[in-house]
Amino acid sequence: VVGPRTMAGFACILAGFALVKHAELRRLVGDVGTLA
C-alpha cells in the first residue's frame, strides 16, 4: 500500500510539472475548450 507521504510527494511533483509546462498546458486547455 502506497503511504500518504508518497502520495503527497507525487502531488508536489505533479504541481511542479504543471508549472514547468504552464505555457504548453495553457495552450492545450485552450485547444480543448475550442474543440468543446
Full PDB file with SEQRES, HELIX, SHEET, SSBOND, CRYST1, ORIGX, SCALE, CONECT and MASTER records, all heavy atoms in Angstrom:
SEQRES   1 A   36  VAL VAL GLY PRO ARG THR MET ALA GLY PHE ALA CYS ILE          
SEQRES   2 A   36  LEU ALA GLY PHE ALA LEU VAL LYS HIS ALA GLU LEU ARG          
SEQRES   3 A   36  ARG LEU VAL GLY ASP VAL GLY THR LEU ALA                      
HELIX    1 AA1 PRO A    4  VAL A   20  1                                  17    
HELIX    2 AA2 HIS A   22  LEU A   35  1                                  14    
CRYST1    1.000    1.000    1.000  90.00  90.00  90.00 P 1           1          
ORIGX1      1.000000  0.000000  0.000000        0.00000                         
ORIGX2      0.000000  1.000000  0.000000        0.00000                         
ORIGX3      0.000000  0.000000  1.000000        0.00000                         
SCALE1      1.000000  0.000000  0.000000        0.00000                         
SCALE2      0.000000  1.000000  0.000000        0.00000                         
SCALE3      0.000000  0.000000  1.000000        0.00000                         
ATOM      1  N   VAL A   1       0.852  -1.180   0.000  1.00  0.00           N  
ATOM      2  CA  VAL A   1       0.000   0.000   0.000  1.00  0.00           C  
ATOM      3  C   VAL A   1       0.893   1.236   0.000  1.00  0.00           C  
ATOM      4  O   VAL A   1       1.806   1.352   0.824  1.00  0.00           O  
ATOM      5  CB  VAL A   1      -0.929   0.028   1.236  1.00  0.00           C  
ATOM      6  CG1 VAL A   1      -1.769   1.299   1.245  1.00  0.00           C  
ATOM      7  CG2 VAL A   1      -1.831  -1.208   1.238  1.00  0.00           C  
ATOM      8  N   VAL A   2       0.646   2.128  -0.943  1.00  0.00           N  
ATOM      9  CA  VAL A   2       1.423   3.360  -1.024  1.00  0.00           C  
ATOM     10  C   VAL A   2       0.958   4.309   0.068  1.00  0.00           C  
ATOM     11  O   VAL A   2      -0.237   4.581   0.212  1.00  0.00           O  
ATOM     12  CB  VAL A   2       1.263   4.019  -2.407  1.00  0.00           C  
ATOM     13  CG1 VAL A   2       1.967   5.373  -2.443  1.00  0.00           C  
ATOM     14  CG2 VAL A   2       1.819   3.098  -3.489  1.00  0.00           C  
ATOM     15  N   GLY A   3       1.900   4.811   0.851  1.00  0.00           N  
ATOM     16  CA  GLY A   3       1.565   5.647   2.000  1.00  0.00           C  
ATOM     17  C   GLY A   3       1.236   7.075   1.626  1.00  0.00           C  
ATOM     18  O   GLY A   3       1.501   7.537   0.505  1.00  0.00           O  
ATOM     19  N   PRO A   4       0.669   7.827   2.574  1.00  0.00           N  
ATOM     20  CA  PRO A   4       0.271   9.219   2.313  1.00  0.00           C  
ATOM     21  C   PRO A   4       1.455  10.124   1.986  1.00  0.00           C  
ATOM     22  O   PRO A   4       1.310  11.082   1.222  1.00  0.00           O  
ATOM     23  CB  PRO A   4      -0.430   9.638   3.610  1.00  0.00           C  
ATOM     24  CG  PRO A   4       0.021   8.664   4.645  1.00  0.00           C  
ATOM     25  CD  PRO A   4       0.275   7.391   3.928  1.00  0.00           C  
ATOM     26  N   ARG A   5       2.645   9.833   2.563  1.00  0.00           N  
ATOM     27  CA  ARG A   5       3.800  10.674   2.262  1.00  0.00           C  
ATOM     28  C   ARG A   5       4.184  10.564   0.792  1.00  0.00           C  
ATOM     29  O   ARG A   5       4.484  11.570   0.133  1.00  0.00           O  
ATOM     30  CB  ARG A   5       4.981  10.288   3.148  1.00  0.00           C  
ATOM     31  CG  ARG A   5       6.144  11.282   3.030  1.00  0.00           C  
ATOM     32  CD  ARG A   5       7.337  10.892   3.875  1.00  0.00           C  
ATOM     33  NE  ARG A   5       7.985   9.705   3.357  1.00  0.00           N  
ATOM     34  CZ  ARG A   5       8.218   8.611   4.064  1.00  0.00           C  
ATOM     35  NH1 ARG A   5       7.822   8.545   5.312  1.00  0.00           N  
ATOM     36  NH2 ARG A   5       8.832   7.578   3.527  1.00  0.00           N  
ATOM     37  N   THR A   6       4.144   9.352   0.244  1.00  0.00           N  
ATOM     38  CA  THR A   6       4.469   9.168  -1.161  1.00  0.00           C  
ATOM     39  C   THR A   6       3.458   9.890  -2.047  1.00  0.00           C  
ATOM     40  O   THR A   6       3.829  10.531  -3.038  1.00  0.00           O  
ATOM     41  CB  THR A   6       4.502   7.667  -1.511  1.00  0.00           C  
ATOM     42  OG1 THR A   6       5.528   7.036  -0.743  1.00  0.00           O  
ATOM     43  CG2 THR A   6       4.778   7.446  -2.985  1.00  0.00           C  
ATOM     44  N   MET A   7       2.183   9.807  -1.704  1.00  0.00           N  
ATOM     45  CA  MET A   7       1.159  10.477  -2.500  1.00  0.00           C  
ATOM     46  C   MET A   7       1.294  12.002  -2.398  1.00  0.00           C  
ATOM     47  O   MET A   7       1.080  12.718  -3.383  1.00  0.00           O  
ATOM     48  CB  MET A   7      -0.230  10.038  -2.052  1.00  0.00           C  
ATOM     49  CG  MET A   7      -0.519   8.559  -2.295  1.00  0.00           C  
ATOM     50  SD  MET A   7      -0.165   8.016  -4.002  1.00  0.00           S  
ATOM     51  CE  MET A   7      -1.352   9.006  -4.923  1.00  0.00           C  
ATOM     52  N   ALA A   8       1.674  12.513  -1.221  1.00  0.00           N  
ATOM     53  CA  ALA A   8       1.890  13.954  -1.079  1.00  0.00           C  
ATOM     54  C   ALA A   8       3.071  14.410  -1.936  1.00  0.00           C  
ATOM     55  O   ALA A   8       3.025  15.463  -2.579  1.00  0.00           O  
ATOM     56  CB  ALA A   8       2.127  14.305   0.393  1.00  0.00           C  
ATOM     57  N   GLY A   9       4.125  13.599  -1.945  1.00  0.00           N  
ATOM     58  CA  GLY A   9       5.269  13.915  -2.790  1.00  0.00           C  
ATOM     59  C   GLY A   9       4.897  13.890  -4.259  1.00  0.00           C  
ATOM     60  O   GLY A   9       5.340  14.749  -5.045  1.00  0.00           O  
ATOM     61  N   PHE A  10       4.085  12.916  -4.638  1.00  0.00           N  
ATOM     62  CA  PHE A  10       3.620  12.834  -6.022  1.00  0.00           C  
ATOM     63  C   PHE A  10       2.837  14.093  -6.404  1.00  0.00           C  
ATOM     64  O   PHE A  10       3.007  14.637  -7.499  1.00  0.00           O  
ATOM     65  CB  PHE A  10       2.748  11.590  -6.203  1.00  0.00           C  
ATOM     66  CG  PHE A  10       2.009  11.535  -7.508  1.00  0.00           C  
ATOM     67  CD1 PHE A  10       2.687  11.437  -8.713  1.00  0.00           C  
ATOM     68  CD2 PHE A  10       0.626  11.591  -7.537  1.00  0.00           C  
ATOM     69  CE1 PHE A  10       2.006  11.391  -9.916  1.00  0.00           C  
ATOM     70  CE2 PHE A  10      -0.064  11.550  -8.731  1.00  0.00           C  
ATOM     71  CZ  PHE A  10       0.626  11.446  -9.923  1.00  0.00           C  
ATOM     72  N   ALA A  11       2.004  14.588  -5.496  1.00  0.00           N  
ATOM     73  CA  ALA A  11       1.229  15.804  -5.770  1.00  0.00           C  
ATOM     74  C   ALA A  11       2.159  16.995  -5.993  1.00  0.00           C  
ATOM     75  O   ALA A  11       1.922  17.826  -6.877  1.00  0.00           O  
ATOM     76  CB  ALA A  11       0.267  16.082  -4.614  1.00  0.00           C  
ATOM     77  N   CYS A  12       3.242  17.080  -5.213  1.00  0.00           N  
ATOM     78  CA  CYS A  12       4.210  18.168  -5.401  1.00  0.00           C  
ATOM     79  C   CYS A  12       4.901  18.067  -6.762  1.00  0.00           C  
ATOM     80  O   CYS A  12       5.073  19.069  -7.464  1.00  0.00           O  
ATOM     81  CB  CYS A  12       5.259  18.142  -4.289  1.00  0.00           C  
ATOM     82  SG  CYS A  12       4.678  18.722  -2.694  1.00  0.00           S  
ATOM     83  N   ILE A  13       5.305  16.856  -7.139  1.00  0.00           N  
ATOM     84  CA  ILE A  13       5.985  16.668  -8.427  1.00  0.00           C  
ATOM     85  C   ILE A  13       5.034  16.996  -9.576  1.00  0.00           C  
ATOM     86  O   ILE A  13       5.414  17.641 -10.568  1.00  0.00           O  
ATOM     87  CB  ILE A  13       6.526  15.232  -8.546  1.00  0.00           C  
ATOM     88  CG1 ILE A  13       7.645  15.003  -7.519  1.00  0.00           C  
ATOM     89  CG2 ILE A  13       7.050  14.963  -9.953  1.00  0.00           C  
ATOM     90  CD1 ILE A  13       8.121  13.573  -7.422  1.00  0.00           C  
ATOM     91  N   LEU A  14       3.770  16.583  -9.455  1.00  0.00           N  
ATOM     92  CA  LEU A  14       2.780  16.885 -10.483  1.00  0.00           C  
ATOM     93  C   LEU A  14       2.570  18.392 -10.595  1.00  0.00           C  
ATOM     94  O   LEU A  14       2.496  18.941 -11.713  1.00  0.00           O  
ATOM     95  CB  LEU A  14       1.459  16.187 -10.154  1.00  0.00           C  
ATOM     96  CG  LEU A  14       0.287  16.435 -11.108  1.00  0.00           C  
ATOM     97  CD1 LEU A  14       0.645  16.027 -12.524  1.00  0.00           C  
ATOM     98  CD2 LEU A  14      -0.949  15.678 -10.629  1.00  0.00           C  
ATOM     99  N   ALA A  15       2.479  19.091  -9.449  1.00  0.00           N  
ATOM    100  CA  ALA A  15       2.326  20.549  -9.471  1.00  0.00           C  
ATOM    101  C   ALA A  15       3.554  21.204 -10.095  1.00  0.00           C  
ATOM    102  O   ALA A  15       3.439  22.194 -10.843  1.00  0.00           O  
ATOM    103  CB  ALA A  15       2.100  21.067  -8.056  1.00  0.00           C  
ATOM    104  N   GLY A  16       4.734  20.647  -9.810  1.00  0.00           N  
ATOM    105  CA  GLY A  16       5.945  21.168 -10.426  1.00  0.00           C  
ATOM    106  C   GLY A  16       5.928  21.026 -11.930  1.00  0.00           C  
ATOM    107  O   GLY A  16       6.308  21.952 -12.666  1.00  0.00           O  
ATOM    108  N   PHE A  17       5.479  19.876 -12.415  1.00  0.00           N  
ATOM    109  CA  PHE A  17       5.361  19.669 -13.862  1.00  0.00           C  
ATOM    110  C   PHE A  17       4.402  20.692 -14.466  1.00  0.00           C  
ATOM    111  O   PHE A  17       4.674  21.264 -15.530  1.00  0.00           O  
ATOM    112  CB  PHE A  17       4.864  18.252 -14.143  1.00  0.00           C  
ATOM    113  CG  PHE A  17       4.497  18.015 -15.583  1.00  0.00           C  
ATOM    114  CD1 PHE A  17       5.469  17.724 -16.524  1.00  0.00           C  
ATOM    115  CD2 PHE A  17       3.173  18.081 -16.001  1.00  0.00           C  
ATOM    116  CE1 PHE A  17       5.127  17.506 -17.856  1.00  0.00           C  
ATOM    117  CE2 PHE A  17       2.829  17.866 -17.318  1.00  0.00           C  
ATOM    118  CZ  PHE A  17       3.809  17.579 -18.252  1.00  0.00           C  
ATOM    119  N   ALA A  18       3.273  20.949 -13.800  1.00  0.00           N  
ATOM    120  CA  ALA A  18       2.293  21.904 -14.317  1.00  0.00           C  
ATOM    121  C   ALA A  18       2.896  23.301 -14.435  1.00  0.00           C  
ATOM    122  O   ALA A  18       2.620  24.025 -15.395  1.00  0.00           O  
ATOM    123  CB  ALA A  18       1.062  21.926 -13.409  1.00  0.00           C  
ATOM    124  N   LEU A  19       3.743  23.691 -13.483  1.00  0.00           N  
ATOM    125  CA  LEU A  19       4.379  24.999 -13.547  1.00  0.00           C  
ATOM    126  C   LEU A  19       5.448  25.047 -14.640  1.00  0.00           C  
ATOM    127  O   LEU A  19       5.556  26.030 -15.383  1.00  0.00           O  
ATOM    128  CB  LEU A  19       5.001  25.351 -12.199  1.00  0.00           C  
ATOM    129  CG  LEU A  19       4.021  25.757 -11.097  1.00  0.00           C  
ATOM    130  CD1 LEU A  19       4.752  25.927  -9.770  1.00  0.00           C  
ATOM    131  CD2 LEU A  19       3.299  27.054 -11.468  1.00  0.00           C  
ATOM    132  N   VAL A  20       6.239  23.980 -14.751  1.00  0.00           N  
ATOM    133  CA  VAL A  20       7.283  23.938 -15.772  1.00  0.00           C  
ATOM    134  C   VAL A  20       6.668  24.008 -17.169  1.00  0.00           C  
ATOM    135  O   VAL A  20       7.192  24.668 -18.071  1.00  0.00           O  
ATOM    136  CB  VAL A  20       8.137  22.663 -15.611  1.00  0.00           C  
ATOM    137  CG1 VAL A  20       8.972  22.402 -16.855  1.00  0.00           C  
ATOM    138  CG2 VAL A  20       9.037  22.790 -14.390  1.00  0.00           C  
ATOM    139  N   LYS A  21       5.533  23.347 -17.354  1.00  0.00           N  
ATOM    140  CA  LYS A  21       4.868  23.287 -18.652  1.00  0.00           C  
ATOM    141  C   LYS A  21       3.662  24.230 -18.718  1.00  0.00           C  
ATOM    142  O   LYS A  21       2.729  23.987 -19.488  1.00  0.00           O  
ATOM    143  CB  LYS A  21       4.417  21.845 -18.936  1.00  0.00           C  
ATOM    144  CG  LYS A  21       5.550  20.847 -19.067  1.00  0.00           C  
ATOM    145  CD  LYS A  21       6.350  21.081 -20.332  1.00  0.00           C  
ATOM    146  CE  LYS A  21       7.405  20.021 -20.544  1.00  0.00           C  
ATOM    147  NZ  LYS A  21       8.195  20.254 -21.776  1.00  0.00           N  
ATOM    148  N   HIS A  22       3.687  25.313 -17.946  1.00  0.00           N  
ATOM    149  CA  HIS A  22       2.487  26.150 -17.822  1.00  0.00           C  
ATOM    150  C   HIS A  22       2.034  26.720 -19.158  1.00  0.00           C  
ATOM    151  O   HIS A  22       0.834  26.757 -19.451  1.00  0.00           O  
ATOM    152  CB  HIS A  22       2.725  27.279 -16.797  1.00  0.00           C  
ATOM    153  CG  HIS A  22       3.768  28.267 -17.212  1.00  0.00           C  
ATOM    154  ND1 HIS A  22       3.476  29.445 -17.844  1.00  0.00           N  
ATOM    155  CD2 HIS A  22       5.119  28.244 -17.056  1.00  0.00           C  
ATOM    156  CE1 HIS A  22       4.592  30.117 -18.069  1.00  0.00           C  
ATOM    157  NE2 HIS A  22       5.609  29.412 -17.609  1.00  0.00           N  
ATOM    158  N   ALA A  23       2.974  27.155 -20.007  1.00  0.00           N  
ATOM    159  CA  ALA A  23       2.579  27.750 -21.284  1.00  0.00           C  
ATOM    160  C   ALA A  23       1.951  26.699 -22.196  1.00  0.00           C  
ATOM    161  O   ALA A  23       0.905  26.933 -22.817  1.00  0.00           O  
ATOM    162  CB  ALA A  23       3.790  28.386 -21.956  1.00  0.00           C  
ATOM    163  N   GLU A  24       2.599  25.518 -22.276  1.00  0.00           N  
ATOM    164  CA  GLU A  24       2.072  24.467 -23.137  1.00  0.00           C  
ATOM    165  C   GLU A  24       0.718  23.973 -22.640  1.00  0.00           C  
ATOM    166  O   GLU A  24      -0.193  23.726 -23.439  1.00  0.00           O  
ATOM    167  CB  GLU A  24       3.055  23.299 -23.204  1.00  0.00           C  
ATOM    168  CG  GLU A  24       4.391  23.638 -23.862  1.00  0.00           C  
ATOM    169  CD  GLU A  24       5.429  24.076 -22.846  1.00  0.00           C  
ATOM    170  OE1 GLU A  24       5.022  24.629 -21.797  1.00  0.00           O  
ATOM    171  OE2 GLU A  24       6.629  23.879 -23.113  1.00  0.00           O  
ATOM    172  N   LEU A  25       0.579  23.817 -21.319  1.00  0.00           N  
ATOM    173  CA  LEU A  25      -0.694  23.343 -20.768  1.00  0.00           C  
ATOM    174  C   LEU A  25      -1.795  24.370 -20.974  1.00  0.00           C  
ATOM    175  O   LEU A  25      -2.948  24.006 -21.213  1.00  0.00           O  
ATOM    176  CB  LEU A  25      -0.530  23.024 -19.275  1.00  0.00           C  
ATOM    177  CG  LEU A  25       0.336  21.803 -18.955  1.00  0.00           C  
ATOM    178  CD1 LEU A  25       0.543  21.676 -17.455  1.00  0.00           C  
ATOM    179  CD2 LEU A  25      -0.284  20.532 -19.508  1.00  0.00           C  
ATOM    180  N   ARG A  26      -1.454  25.674 -20.894  1.00  0.00           N  
ATOM    181  CA  ARG A  26      -2.456  26.703 -21.142  1.00  0.00           C  
ATOM    182  C   ARG A  26      -2.955  26.617 -22.589  1.00  0.00           C  
ATOM    183  O   ARG A  26      -4.153  26.724 -22.850  1.00  0.00           O  
ATOM    184  CB  ARG A  26      -1.866  28.083 -20.860  1.00  0.00           C  
ATOM    185  CG  ARG A  26      -2.907  29.201 -20.786  1.00  0.00           C  
ATOM    186  CD  ARG A  26      -2.281  30.557 -20.564  1.00  0.00           C  
ATOM    187  NE  ARG A  26      -1.392  30.547 -19.412  1.00  0.00           N  
ATOM    188  CZ  ARG A  26      -0.090  30.789 -19.463  1.00  0.00           C  
ATOM    189  NH1 ARG A  26       0.487  31.030 -20.627  1.00  0.00           N  
ATOM    190  NH2 ARG A  26       0.637  30.767 -18.375  1.00  0.00           N  
ATOM    191  N   ARG A  27      -2.015  26.425 -23.523  1.00  0.00           N  
ATOM    192  CA  ARG A  27      -2.424  26.273 -24.925  1.00  0.00           C  
ATOM    193  C   ARG A  27      -3.273  25.021 -25.106  1.00  0.00           C  
ATOM    194  O   ARG A  27      -4.256  25.029 -25.855  1.00  0.00           O  
ATOM    195  CB  ARG A  27      -1.187  26.211 -25.829  1.00  0.00           C  
ATOM    196  CG  ARG A  27      -0.495  27.544 -26.020  1.00  0.00           C  
ATOM    197  CD  ARG A  27       0.492  27.493 -27.164  1.00  0.00           C  
ATOM    198  NE  ARG A  27       1.606  26.598 -26.891  1.00  0.00           N  
ATOM    199  CZ  ARG A  27       2.745  27.000 -26.332  1.00  0.00           C  
ATOM    200  NH1 ARG A  27       2.908  28.252 -25.969  1.00  0.00           N  
ATOM    201  NH2 ARG A  27       3.725  26.133 -26.129  1.00  0.00           N  
ATOM    202  N   LEU A  28      -2.881  23.936 -24.421  1.00  0.00           N  
ATOM    203  CA  LEU A  28      -3.631  22.688 -24.532  1.00  0.00           C  
ATOM    204  C   LEU A  28      -5.053  22.861 -24.019  1.00  0.00           C  
ATOM    205  O   LEU A  28      -6.013  22.421 -24.660  1.00  0.00           O  
ATOM    206  CB  LEU A  28      -2.913  21.589 -23.755  1.00  0.00           C  
ATOM    207  CG  LEU A  28      -3.549  20.200 -23.755  1.00  0.00           C  
ATOM    208  CD1 LEU A  28      -3.635  19.658 -25.161  1.00  0.00           C  
ATOM    209  CD2 LEU A  28      -2.755  19.261 -22.861  1.00  0.00           C  
ATOM    210  N   VAL A  29      -5.208  23.516 -22.868  1.00  0.00           N  
ATOM    211  CA  VAL A  29      -6.550  23.760 -22.310  1.00  0.00           C  
ATOM    212  C   VAL A  29      -7.347  24.629 -23.264  1.00  0.00           C  
ATOM    213  O   VAL A  29      -8.539  24.405 -23.491  1.00  0.00           O  
ATOM    214  CB  VAL A  29      -6.441  24.411 -20.920  1.00  0.00           C  
ATOM    215  CG1 VAL A  29      -7.797  24.888 -20.440  1.00  0.00           C  
ATOM    216  CG2 VAL A  29      -5.849  23.413 -19.920  1.00  0.00           C  
ATOM    217  N   GLY A  30      -6.706  25.639 -23.867  1.00  0.00           N  
ATOM    218  CA  GLY A  30      -7.395  26.482 -24.834  1.00  0.00           C  
ATOM    219  C   GLY A  30      -7.862  25.711 -26.045  1.00  0.00           C  
ATOM    220  O   GLY A  30      -8.990  25.896 -26.522  1.00  0.00           O  
ATOM    221  N   ASP A  31      -7.009  24.801 -26.534  1.00  0.00           N  
ATOM    222  CA  ASP A  31      -7.399  23.990 -27.693  1.00  0.00           C  
ATOM    223  C   ASP A  31      -8.578  23.084 -27.358  1.00  0.00           C  
ATOM    224  O   ASP A  31      -9.501  22.919 -28.167  1.00  0.00           O  
ATOM    225  CB  ASP A  31      -6.212  23.136 -28.160  1.00  0.00           C  
ATOM    226  CG  ASP A  31      -5.088  23.964 -28.757  1.00  0.00           C  
ATOM    227  OD1 ASP A  31      -5.354  25.139 -29.100  1.00  0.00           O  
ATOM    228  OD2 ASP A  31      -3.954  23.456 -28.846  1.00  0.00           O  
ATOM    229  N   VAL A  32      -8.539  22.474 -26.152  1.00  0.00           N  
ATOM    230  CA  VAL A  32      -9.643  21.610 -25.726  1.00  0.00           C  
ATOM    231  C   VAL A  32     -10.937  22.418 -25.620  1.00  0.00           C  
ATOM    232  O   VAL A  32     -12.008  21.976 -26.038  1.00  0.00           O  
ATOM    233  CB  VAL A  32      -9.307  20.916 -24.396  1.00  0.00           C  
ATOM    234  CG1 VAL A  32     -10.530  20.185 -23.854  1.00  0.00           C  
ATOM    235  CG2 VAL A  32      -8.156  19.940 -24.578  1.00  0.00           C  
ATOM    236  N   GLY A  33     -10.841  23.634 -25.056  1.00  0.00           N  
ATOM    237  CA  GLY A  33     -12.025  24.485 -24.920  1.00  0.00           C  
ATOM    238  C   GLY A  33     -12.602  24.864 -26.276  1.00  0.00           C  
ATOM    239  O   GLY A  33     -13.816  24.878 -26.470  1.00  0.00           O  
ATOM    240  N   THR A  34     -11.714  25.148 -27.234  1.00  0.00           N  
ATOM    241  CA  THR A  34     -12.182  25.487 -28.583  1.00  0.00           C  
ATOM    242  C   THR A  34     -12.904  24.323 -29.231  1.00  0.00           C  
ATOM    243  O   THR A  34     -13.962  24.477 -29.844  1.00  0.00           O  
ATOM    244  CB  THR A  34     -10.964  25.907 -29.458  1.00  0.00           C  
ATOM    245  OG1 THR A  34     -10.342  27.052 -28.858  1.00  0.00           O  
ATOM    246  CG2 THR A  34     -11.428  26.259 -30.863  1.00  0.00           C  
ATOM    247  N   LEU A  35     -12.324  23.106 -29.056  1.00  0.00           N  
ATOM    248  CA  LEU A  35     -12.965  21.922 -29.623  1.00  0.00           C  
ATOM    249  C   LEU A  35     -14.332  21.685 -28.970  1.00  0.00           C  
ATOM    250  O   LEU A  35     -15.301  21.315 -29.639  1.00  0.00           O  
ATOM    251  CB  LEU A  35     -12.061  20.704 -29.436  1.00  0.00           C  
ATOM    252  CG  LEU A  35     -10.817  20.641 -30.302  1.00  0.00           C  
ATOM    253  CD1 LEU A  35      -9.928  19.475 -29.892  1.00  0.00           C  
ATOM    254  CD2 LEU A  35     -11.190  20.529 -31.786  1.00  0.00           C  
ATOM    255  N   ALA A  36     -14.407  21.896 -27.644  1.00  0.00           N  
ATOM    256  CA  ALA A  36     -15.664  21.676 -26.942  1.00  0.00           C  
ATOM    257  C   ALA A  36     -16.745  22.644 -27.401  1.00  0.00           C  
ATOM    258  O   ALA A  36     -17.909  22.275 -27.594  1.00  0.00           O  
ATOM    259  CB  ALA A  36     -15.444  21.803 -25.424  1.00  0.00           C  
TER     260      ALA A  36                                                      
MASTER        0    0    0    2    0    0    0    6  259    1    0    3          
END                                                                             
